[in-house]
Every structure is written in C-alpha cells, then in structure tokens.
N, C-alpha and C. Protein backbone atom coordinates (compact mmCIF):
# COMPACT_ATOMS: atom_id res chain seq x y z
N UNK A 1 0.72 -1.33 0.08
CA UNK A 1 -0.24 -0.18 0.00
C UNK A 1 0.92 1.27 0.10
N UNK A 2 0.58 2.43 -0.69
CA UNK A 2 1.29 3.56 -0.51
C UNK A 2 0.93 4.40 0.11
N UNK A 3 1.98 4.91 0.93
CA UNK A 3 2.12 5.89 1.97
C UNK A 3 1.31 7.33 1.47
N UNK A 4 1.00 8.15 2.35
CA UNK A 4 0.41 9.45 2.26
C UNK A 4 1.40 10.02 1.28
N UNK A 5 2.66 10.06 1.52
CA UNK A 5 3.39 11.13 0.84
C UNK A 5 3.47 10.07 -0.61
N UNK A 6 3.49 9.28 -0.88
CA UNK A 6 3.52 8.48 -2.22
C UNK A 6 1.60 9.03 -2.89
N UNK A 7 1.40 8.76 -2.00
CA UNK A 7 0.09 9.17 -2.96
C UNK A 7 -0.58 10.73 -3.28
N UNK A 8 0.48 11.52 -2.23
CA UNK A 8 0.44 12.87 -2.37
C UNK A 8 0.98 12.92 -4.04
N UNK A 9 1.98 12.31 -3.60
CA UNK A 9 3.12 12.19 -5.09
C UNK A 9 2.64 12.16 -6.31
N UNK A 10 1.38 11.13 -5.93
CA UNK A 10 0.95 10.59 -7.33
C UNK A 10 0.21 11.73 -7.83
N UNK A 11 -0.82 12.40 -6.85
CA UNK A 11 -1.72 13.40 -7.23
C UNK A 11 -0.89 14.57 -7.75
N UNK A 12 0.56 14.70 -7.45
CA UNK A 12 1.02 16.16 -8.12
C UNK A 12 1.53 15.55 -8.94
N UNK A 13 1.92 14.68 -9.74
CA UNK A 13 2.22 14.28 -10.52
C UNK A 13 1.40 14.10 -12.07
N UNK A 14 0.09 13.71 -11.73
CA UNK A 14 -0.90 13.91 -12.28
C UNK A 14 -1.82 15.41 -12.29
N UNK A 15 -0.95 16.31 -11.98
CA UNK A 15 -1.28 17.85 -12.06
C UNK A 15 -2.88 17.77 -11.72
N UNK A 16 -2.68 17.53 -10.01
CA UNK A 16 -4.15 17.65 -9.49
C UNK A 16 -3.75 17.83 -7.96
N UNK A 17 -4.40 18.86 -7.41
CA UNK A 17 -4.31 19.53 -6.38
C UNK A 17 -4.43 18.70 -5.20
N UNK A 18 -3.34 18.51 -4.03
CA UNK A 18 -3.57 17.50 -3.20
C UNK A 18 -4.18 17.89 -1.93
N UNK A 19 -5.52 17.22 -1.80
CA UNK A 19 -6.61 17.78 -0.76
C UNK A 19 -6.87 16.46 0.02
N UNK A 20 -7.13 16.57 1.29
CA UNK A 20 -7.55 15.72 1.87
C UNK A 20 -8.42 14.55 1.20
N UNK A 21 -9.87 14.87 0.54
CA UNK A 21 -10.44 13.63 0.44
C UNK A 21 -10.02 13.17 -0.90
N UNK A 22 -8.98 13.89 -2.06
CA UNK A 22 -8.36 13.24 -2.76
C UNK A 22 -7.55 12.12 -2.44
N UNK A 23 -6.77 12.37 -1.01
CA UNK A 23 -5.56 11.82 -0.54
C UNK A 23 -6.29 10.58 -0.12
N UNK A 24 -7.60 10.78 0.55
CA UNK A 24 -8.11 9.83 1.20
C UNK A 24 -9.07 8.70 0.32
N UNK A 25 -9.56 9.17 -0.74
CA UNK A 25 -10.13 8.55 -1.78
C UNK A 25 -9.27 7.48 -2.37
N UNK A 26 -7.98 8.34 -2.78
CA UNK A 26 -7.20 7.44 -3.35
C UNK A 26 -6.79 6.19 -2.60
N UNK A 27 -6.00 6.85 -1.51
CA UNK A 27 -5.95 5.75 -0.77
C UNK A 27 -7.09 4.78 -0.23
N UNK A 28 -8.02 5.10 -0.07
CA UNK A 28 -8.92 3.70 -0.51
C UNK A 28 -9.17 2.98 -1.35
N UNK A 29 -8.61 3.35 -2.99
CA UNK A 29 -8.93 2.72 -3.71
C UNK A 29 -7.86 1.84 -4.05
N UNK A 30 -6.65 1.76 -3.25
CA UNK A 30 -5.51 1.41 -3.33
C UNK A 30 -5.62 -0.38 -2.29
N UNK A 31 -6.39 0.65 -1.26
CA UNK A 31 -6.25 -0.14 0.12
C UNK A 31 -7.73 -1.77 -0.16
N UNK A 32 -8.12 -0.98 -1.27
CA UNK A 32 -9.85 -1.92 -1.06
C UNK A 32 -10.35 -2.00 -2.71
N UNK A 33 -9.15 -3.21 -3.31
CA UNK A 33 -9.07 -3.12 -4.77
C UNK A 33 -10.97 -3.75 -5.52
N UNK A 34 -11.22 -2.63 -6.06
CA UNK A 34 -12.59 -3.38 -6.96
C UNK A 34 -13.54 -2.85 -6.06
N UNK A 35 -13.62 -1.55 -5.39
CA UNK A 35 -14.32 -1.48 -4.34
C UNK A 35 -15.18 -0.68 -5.00
N UNK A 36 -16.94 -0.95 -4.30
CA UNK A 36 -17.90 0.34 -5.01
C UNK A 36 -17.51 1.65 -4.69
N UNK A 37 -18.52 2.38 -4.82
CA UNK A 37 -18.50 3.52 -4.46
C UNK A 37 -19.04 4.11 -3.08
N UNK A 38 -20.37 3.18 -2.56
CA UNK A 38 -20.20 2.79 -0.70
C UNK A 38 -19.18 2.66 -0.23
N UNK A 39 -18.59 1.89 -0.53
CA UNK A 39 -17.19 1.03 0.49
C UNK A 39 -16.50 2.37 0.38
N UNK A 40 -16.14 2.72 -0.76
CA UNK A 40 -14.83 3.91 -0.94
C UNK A 40 -15.41 5.11 0.15
N UNK A 41 -16.73 5.06 0.01
CA UNK A 41 -17.17 6.50 0.51
C UNK A 41 -16.98 6.21 2.17
N UNK A 42 -17.35 4.88 2.66
CA UNK A 42 -17.14 4.68 4.08
C UNK A 42 -15.69 4.53 4.20
N UNK A 43 -14.62 4.10 3.68
CA UNK A 43 -13.62 3.78 3.88
C UNK A 43 -13.04 5.72 4.39
N UNK A 44 -13.50 6.48 3.22
CA UNK A 44 -12.93 8.01 3.34
C UNK A 44 -13.53 8.66 4.67
N UNK A 45 -14.72 8.12 4.63
CA UNK A 45 -15.55 8.89 5.87
C UNK A 45 -14.69 8.26 7.14
N UNK A 46 -14.18 7.12 7.35
CA UNK A 46 -13.47 6.79 8.67
C UNK A 46 -12.35 6.83 8.63
N UNK A 47 -11.40 7.86 7.68
CA UNK A 47 -10.69 8.44 7.57
C UNK A 47 -10.36 9.87 7.77
N UNK A 48 -11.53 10.56 7.12
CA UNK A 48 -11.32 11.94 7.52
C UNK A 48 -12.34 12.52 7.67
N UNK A 49 -13.98 11.65 8.41
CA UNK A 49 -14.84 12.25 9.09
C UNK A 49 -15.81 12.61 8.06
N UNK A 50 -16.72 13.33 7.92
CA UNK A 50 -18.09 13.68 7.30
C UNK A 50 -17.36 14.10 5.86
N UNK A 51 -17.83 13.76 4.97
CA UNK A 51 -17.51 13.99 3.52
C UNK A 51 -18.97 13.69 2.75
N UNK A 52 -19.39 14.58 1.51
CA UNK A 52 -20.26 13.82 1.02
C UNK A 52 -20.14 12.77 -0.44
N UNK A 53 -21.46 12.45 -0.47
CA UNK A 53 -21.32 10.95 -1.87
C UNK A 53 -20.98 12.03 -2.63
N UNK A 54 -20.97 13.08 -3.06
CA UNK A 54 -21.07 13.71 -4.18
C UNK A 54 -19.70 14.00 -4.43
N UNK A 55 -18.72 14.38 -3.02
CA UNK A 55 -17.77 14.53 -3.17
C UNK A 55 -16.66 14.03 -3.63
N UNK A 56 -17.44 12.47 -3.01
CA UNK A 56 -16.40 11.19 -3.41
C UNK A 56 -16.72 11.08 -4.72
N UNK A 57 -17.93 11.32 -5.45
CA UNK A 57 -18.09 10.87 -6.77
C UNK A 57 -16.93 12.07 -7.84
N UNK A 58 -17.13 12.98 -7.25
CA UNK A 58 -16.00 14.33 -7.82
C UNK A 58 -14.48 13.97 -8.10
N UNK A 59 -14.31 13.35 -7.01
CA UNK A 59 -13.18 12.91 -6.68
C UNK A 59 -12.73 11.80 -7.71
N UNK A 60 -13.34 10.65 -7.44
CA UNK A 60 -13.12 9.69 -8.69
C UNK A 60 -13.49 9.74 -9.80
N UNK A 61 -14.51 10.53 -10.14
CA UNK A 61 -14.28 11.15 -11.54
C UNK A 61 -12.86 11.82 -12.28
N UNK A 62 -12.30 12.74 -11.09
CA UNK A 62 -10.93 13.33 -11.71
C UNK A 62 -10.17 12.38 -11.32
N UNK A 63 -9.92 11.51 -10.42
CA UNK A 63 -8.83 10.06 -10.38
C UNK A 63 -8.80 9.69 -11.59
N UNK A 64 -9.67 9.13 -12.01
CA UNK A 64 -10.16 8.32 -13.32
C UNK A 64 -9.87 9.27 -14.65
N UNK A 65 -9.98 9.90 -14.60
CA UNK A 65 -9.60 11.24 -16.22
C UNK A 65 -8.37 11.53 -15.79
N UNK A 66 -7.47 11.22 -14.77
CA UNK A 66 -5.94 12.05 -14.40
C UNK A 66 -5.51 10.26 -15.19
N UNK A 67 -6.04 8.99 -14.95
CA UNK A 67 -5.30 7.88 -14.96
C UNK A 67 -5.05 7.50 -13.86
N UNK A 68 -5.30 7.88 -12.66
CA UNK A 68 -5.02 7.44 -11.30
C UNK A 68 -5.82 6.40 -11.04
N UNK A 69 -6.72 6.17 -11.42
CA UNK A 69 -7.79 4.93 -11.00
C UNK A 69 -8.38 4.35 -12.38
N UNK A 70 -8.89 3.25 -12.29
CA UNK A 70 -9.42 2.55 -13.40
C UNK A 70 -11.14 2.50 -13.04
N UNK A 71 -11.82 2.83 -13.93
CA UNK A 71 -13.21 2.59 -13.66
C UNK A 71 -13.67 1.00 -14.34
N UNK A 72 -14.32 0.18 -13.60
CA UNK A 72 -14.58 -1.24 -14.10
C UNK A 72 -16.10 -1.23 -13.77
N UNK A 73 -17.08 -1.80 -14.55
CA UNK A 73 -18.74 -1.89 -14.92
C UNK A 73 -18.70 -3.38 -15.31
N UNK A 74 -18.02 -4.87 -14.40
CA UNK A 74 -18.86 -5.82 -14.44
C UNK A 74 -20.60 -5.80 -14.79
N UNK A 75 -20.83 -6.69 -15.94
CA UNK A 75 -22.34 -6.54 -16.30
C UNK A 75 -23.10 -6.84 -14.82
N UNK A 76 -23.99 -6.26 -14.69
CA UNK A 76 -24.76 -6.55 -13.51
C UNK A 76 -24.54 -5.94 -11.97
N UNK A 77 -23.76 -5.35 -12.41
CA UNK A 77 -22.84 -5.19 -11.19
C UNK A 77 -22.74 -3.17 -11.12
N UNK A 78 -22.13 -2.74 -10.25
CA UNK A 78 -22.53 -1.15 -10.13
C UNK A 78 -20.83 -1.09 -10.27
N UNK A 79 -20.59 0.23 -10.40
CA UNK A 79 -18.97 0.62 -10.91
C UNK A 79 -18.29 0.25 -9.95
N UNK A 80 -17.01 -0.07 -9.81
CA UNK A 80 -15.71 -0.14 -9.18
C UNK A 80 -14.61 0.44 -9.38
N UNK A 81 -13.83 0.52 -8.84
CA UNK A 81 -12.56 1.20 -8.87
C UNK A 81 -11.36 0.41 -8.62
N UNK A 82 -10.57 0.78 -9.38
CA UNK A 82 -9.11 0.41 -8.97
C UNK A 82 -7.76 0.67 -9.27
N UNK A 83 -6.94 0.36 -8.72
CA UNK A 83 -5.48 0.94 -8.89
C UNK A 83 -4.48 0.69 -9.84
N UNK A 84 -4.81 -0.40 -9.94
CA UNK A 84 -3.90 -1.38 -11.08
C UNK A 84 -4.01 -0.78 -12.43
N UNK A 85 -3.58 0.44 -13.25
CA UNK A 85 -3.78 1.24 -13.88
C UNK A 85 -2.75 1.31 -15.39
N UNK A 86 -1.83 0.55 -14.78
CA UNK A 86 -0.34 0.66 -15.72
C UNK A 86 -0.13 -0.70 -16.58
N UNK A 87 -1.32 -1.24 -16.72
CA UNK A 87 -1.44 -2.34 -17.59
C UNK A 87 -2.90 -2.84 -18.04
N UNK A 88 -2.96 -3.96 -19.39
CA UNK A 88 -4.00 -4.14 -19.59
C UNK A 88 -4.37 -5.32 -19.04
N UNK A 89 -5.37 -5.42 -18.02
CA UNK A 89 -5.29 -6.92 -17.52
C UNK A 89 -6.99 -6.88 -17.13
N UNK A 90 -7.24 -8.04 -17.09
CA UNK A 90 -8.63 -8.92 -17.31
C UNK A 90 -9.27 -9.02 -15.45
N UNK A 91 -10.64 -9.56 -15.64
CA UNK A 91 -10.95 -9.72 -14.54
C UNK A 91 -11.85 -11.04 -14.05
N UNK A 92 -11.92 -11.88 -13.05
CA UNK A 92 -12.82 -12.87 -13.26
C UNK A 92 -14.11 -12.44 -12.08
N UNK A 93 -14.77 -12.77 -11.88
CA UNK A 93 -15.87 -12.24 -11.24
C UNK A 93 -16.57 -14.06 -10.50
N UNK A 94 -17.02 -13.61 -9.56
CA UNK A 94 -17.86 -14.17 -8.97
C UNK A 94 -19.59 -14.45 -8.81
N UNK A 95 -19.75 -15.64 -9.47
CA UNK A 95 -21.16 -15.25 -10.31
C UNK A 95 -22.25 -15.39 -8.95
N UNK A 96 -21.93 -16.21 -7.52
CA UNK A 96 -22.26 -16.00 -6.66
C UNK A 96 -22.38 -14.59 -5.46
N UNK A 97 -21.40 -14.50 -5.43
CA UNK A 97 -21.02 -13.44 -3.91
C UNK A 97 -20.57 -12.27 -4.86
N UNK A 98 -19.88 -11.87 -6.15
CA UNK A 98 -19.62 -10.71 -6.34
C UNK A 98 -18.26 -10.42 -6.54
N UNK A 99 -17.66 -11.38 -5.97
CA UNK A 99 -15.68 -11.10 -5.47
C UNK A 99 -15.14 -10.73 -7.11
N UNK A 100 -14.12 -9.97 -7.11
CA UNK A 100 -13.67 -9.65 -8.31
C UNK A 100 -12.25 -9.95 -7.94
N UNK A 101 -11.15 -10.35 -8.93
CA UNK A 101 -10.18 -10.16 -8.68
C UNK A 101 -9.46 -10.32 -10.38
N UNK A 102 -8.38 -9.85 -9.92
CA UNK A 102 -7.27 -9.84 -11.22
C UNK A 102 -6.95 -10.32 -12.03
N UNK A 103 -6.91 -10.88 -13.61
CA UNK A 103 -6.35 -11.65 -14.04
C UNK A 103 -5.36 -10.60 -15.06
N UNK A 104 -4.24 -11.79 -14.81
CA UNK A 104 -3.36 -10.83 -15.88
C UNK A 104 -3.53 -11.66 -17.50
N UNK A 105 -3.22 -11.06 -18.35
CA UNK A 105 -3.47 -11.29 -20.07
C UNK A 105 -3.41 -12.00 -19.95
N UNK A 106 -3.46 -12.81 -21.09
CA UNK A 106 -3.55 -14.24 -21.32
C UNK A 106 -1.87 -13.87 -22.57
N UNK A 107 -0.98 -15.27 -22.57
CA UNK A 107 0.34 -14.96 -23.29
C UNK A 107 0.47 -16.18 -24.39
N UNK A 108 0.71 -15.61 -25.73
CA UNK A 108 0.66 -16.87 -26.39
C UNK A 108 -0.32 -16.43 -27.54
N UNK A 109 -0.42 -17.29 -28.16
CA UNK A 109 -1.81 -17.45 -29.14
C UNK A 109 -3.19 -17.34 -28.21
N UNK A 110 -3.79 -15.97 -28.74
CA UNK A 110 -4.84 -15.54 -28.23
C UNK A 110 -6.07 -14.71 -29.48
N UNK A 111 -6.62 -16.01 -30.05
CA UNK A 111 -7.40 -15.52 -31.21
C UNK A 111 -8.65 -15.03 -30.78
N UNK A 112 -9.28 -15.09 -29.78
CA UNK A 112 -10.06 -14.31 -29.15
C UNK A 112 -9.89 -13.04 -28.56
N UNK A 113 -8.69 -12.39 -28.28
CA UNK A 113 -8.41 -11.03 -28.44
C UNK A 113 -7.90 -10.66 -29.63
N UNK A 114 -7.59 -10.94 -30.76
CA UNK A 114 -7.35 -10.58 -31.83
C UNK A 114 -8.86 -10.39 -32.44
N UNK A 115 -9.22 -8.81 -32.96
CA UNK A 115 -10.20 -8.57 -33.84
C UNK A 115 -10.25 -8.77 -34.86
N UNK A 116 -11.47 -9.82 -35.82
CA UNK A 116 -11.50 -10.52 -36.66
C UNK A 116 -11.10 -9.17 -37.58
N UNK A 117 -11.73 -8.04 -37.46
CA UNK A 117 -12.54 -6.56 -38.74
C UNK A 117 -12.13 -5.64 -37.51
N UNK A 118 -10.92 -4.46 -37.76
CA UNK A 118 -11.07 -3.92 -36.70
C UNK A 118 -11.66 -2.39 -37.40
N UNK A 119 -12.61 -2.67 -38.32
CA UNK A 119 -13.10 -1.65 -38.71
C UNK A 119 -12.43 -0.38 -38.87
N UNK A 120 -11.39 0.21 -39.07
CA UNK A 120 -10.41 0.74 -38.97
C UNK A 120 -9.83 1.35 -37.62
N UNK A 121 -10.42 0.46 -36.27
CA UNK A 121 -10.16 1.33 -35.48
C UNK A 121 -8.40 1.22 -34.93
N UNK A 122 -7.87 2.10 -34.45
CA UNK A 122 -6.54 1.58 -33.80
C UNK A 122 -6.75 0.91 -32.27
N UNK A 123 -7.09 -0.60 -32.54
CA UNK A 123 -7.34 -0.96 -31.19
C UNK A 123 -5.84 -0.72 -29.99
N UNK A 124 -6.50 -0.52 -28.64
CA UNK A 124 -5.17 -0.69 -27.93
C UNK A 124 -5.45 -1.65 -26.21
N UNK A 125 -6.57 -1.73 -26.73
CA UNK A 125 -6.62 -2.18 -25.13
C UNK A 125 -7.95 -3.51 -25.56
N UNK A 126 -8.22 -4.74 -24.92
CA UNK A 126 -9.44 -5.80 -25.02
C UNK A 126 -9.75 -6.09 -23.75
N UNK A 127 -11.17 -5.75 -23.28
CA UNK A 127 -11.53 -6.31 -22.04
C UNK A 127 -12.42 -7.51 -22.18
N UNK A 128 -11.81 -8.37 -21.13
CA UNK A 128 -12.26 -9.60 -21.15
C UNK A 128 -12.64 -9.84 -19.43
N UNK A 129 -14.08 -10.27 -19.42
CA UNK A 129 -14.22 -11.02 -17.83
C UNK A 129 -14.42 -12.09 -17.71
N UNK A 130 -14.11 -12.76 -17.09
CA UNK A 130 -13.90 -14.10 -16.99
C UNK A 130 -15.48 -14.60 -15.93
N UNK A 131 -15.81 -15.43 -15.44
CA UNK A 131 -17.50 -15.68 -14.65
C UNK A 131 -17.01 -16.79 -14.75
N UNK A 132 -17.37 -16.93 -13.12
CA UNK A 132 -17.33 -18.37 -12.50
C UNK A 132 -17.72 -18.31 -10.77
N UNK A 133 -17.28 -18.80 -9.88
CA UNK A 133 -17.70 -18.86 -8.62
C UNK A 133 -16.22 -19.00 -7.88
N UNK A 134 -16.25 -18.08 -6.91
CA UNK A 134 -14.73 -18.38 -6.02
C UNK A 134 -14.61 -18.98 -5.15
N UNK A 135 -13.41 -19.49 -4.65
CA UNK A 135 -12.90 -20.44 -3.99
C UNK A 135 -14.29 -20.89 -2.58
N UNK A 136 -14.37 -19.70 -2.36
CA UNK A 136 -15.60 -19.63 -1.11
C UNK A 136 -16.84 -20.02 -1.34
N UNK A 137 -17.25 -19.57 -2.19
CA UNK A 137 -18.82 -20.17 -3.10
C UNK A 137 -18.36 -21.36 -3.83
N UNK A 138 -17.42 -21.77 -4.49
CA UNK A 138 -17.37 -23.05 -4.88
C UNK A 138 -18.17 -23.99 -4.08
N UNK A 139 -17.21 -24.11 -2.87
CA UNK A 139 -17.08 -25.59 -2.26
C UNK A 139 -18.50 -25.12 -0.80
N UNK A 140 -19.30 -23.83 -0.88
CA UNK A 140 -20.46 -23.96 -0.10
C UNK A 140 -21.73 -24.84 -0.68
N UNK A 141 -22.00 -25.30 0.32
CA UNK A 141 -23.31 -26.30 -0.06
C UNK A 141 -24.37 -25.20 -0.67
N UNK A 142 -24.16 -25.68 -1.53
CA UNK A 142 -25.90 -25.31 -1.79
C UNK A 142 -27.42 -25.38 -1.17
N UNK A 143 -28.18 -24.41 -1.27
CA UNK A 143 -29.31 -24.26 -0.43
C UNK A 143 -30.56 -25.02 -1.31
C-alpha cells in the first residue's frame, strides 16, 4: 500500500491539487481493490470524517480522468474502482458473491483477443471478464 507521501506524489504527478478528500479516496482505492463507491465512501469517512457522496463521486471522476484509477463495471454490477492502471489486465467475477479478482492477460496465441475486423479502429485494449465461482462459493453447500 502506498504511504500518504506516495499518494500525494501521485496526485501532484497527475497535476491534481493535493486535498484531504483526494488523498483519502486514492488511498481507499489502493487499500480496497475493486470497491464500489459506497465502500470507498465508508473508508473515506472513517479516515477524514464527514464527506459527501457527491464529493467522493467528483474525486473518483477526477482520479479516473487523470489515469490514477480505473473504473470497471462488470455486467450486472455497479461501478468498481481499482488502482492497477499501468497495464491491460482482465477480471474474474464470482457469479454467487460478486467477488472480483485481477487476471493477467493471456500470453501466446490468443485468437479471441484479436479482432477479426477492426473497422479502421486503432485498437489498444481488450476487455475480457471471466465468470465463475470464487473458492469460498465453490465449496459452499447449495441451498
């Protein structure tokens, strides 16, 4: 986890003012990968006290635009945020509890990640979501 000075350095490096809410939100995203806005809000309030929902939304929008966090939205899920932004990676989502984990990109022959027709686009990223059951849910007895 980054220290407060690391978080401040990240904000300055992205030409963002260092404010308590920005530091708290970016720290929460680092500490809680794939958290939704309500979870981030709870972590921020535990850190800095009262802060509005709108303030957290505004900070998340600014951090996303600056490339410091990535917003993901698996099908059927609310938006989630993560701090792993330096690479193109994928996610695996549990169909039962909704847990999300990072999955590194496949290496070698990956025909499904090569567009059969790019329609003139300069493709620079592919988004793949794997679905299944997490270890805890796969061993849980069915009701």
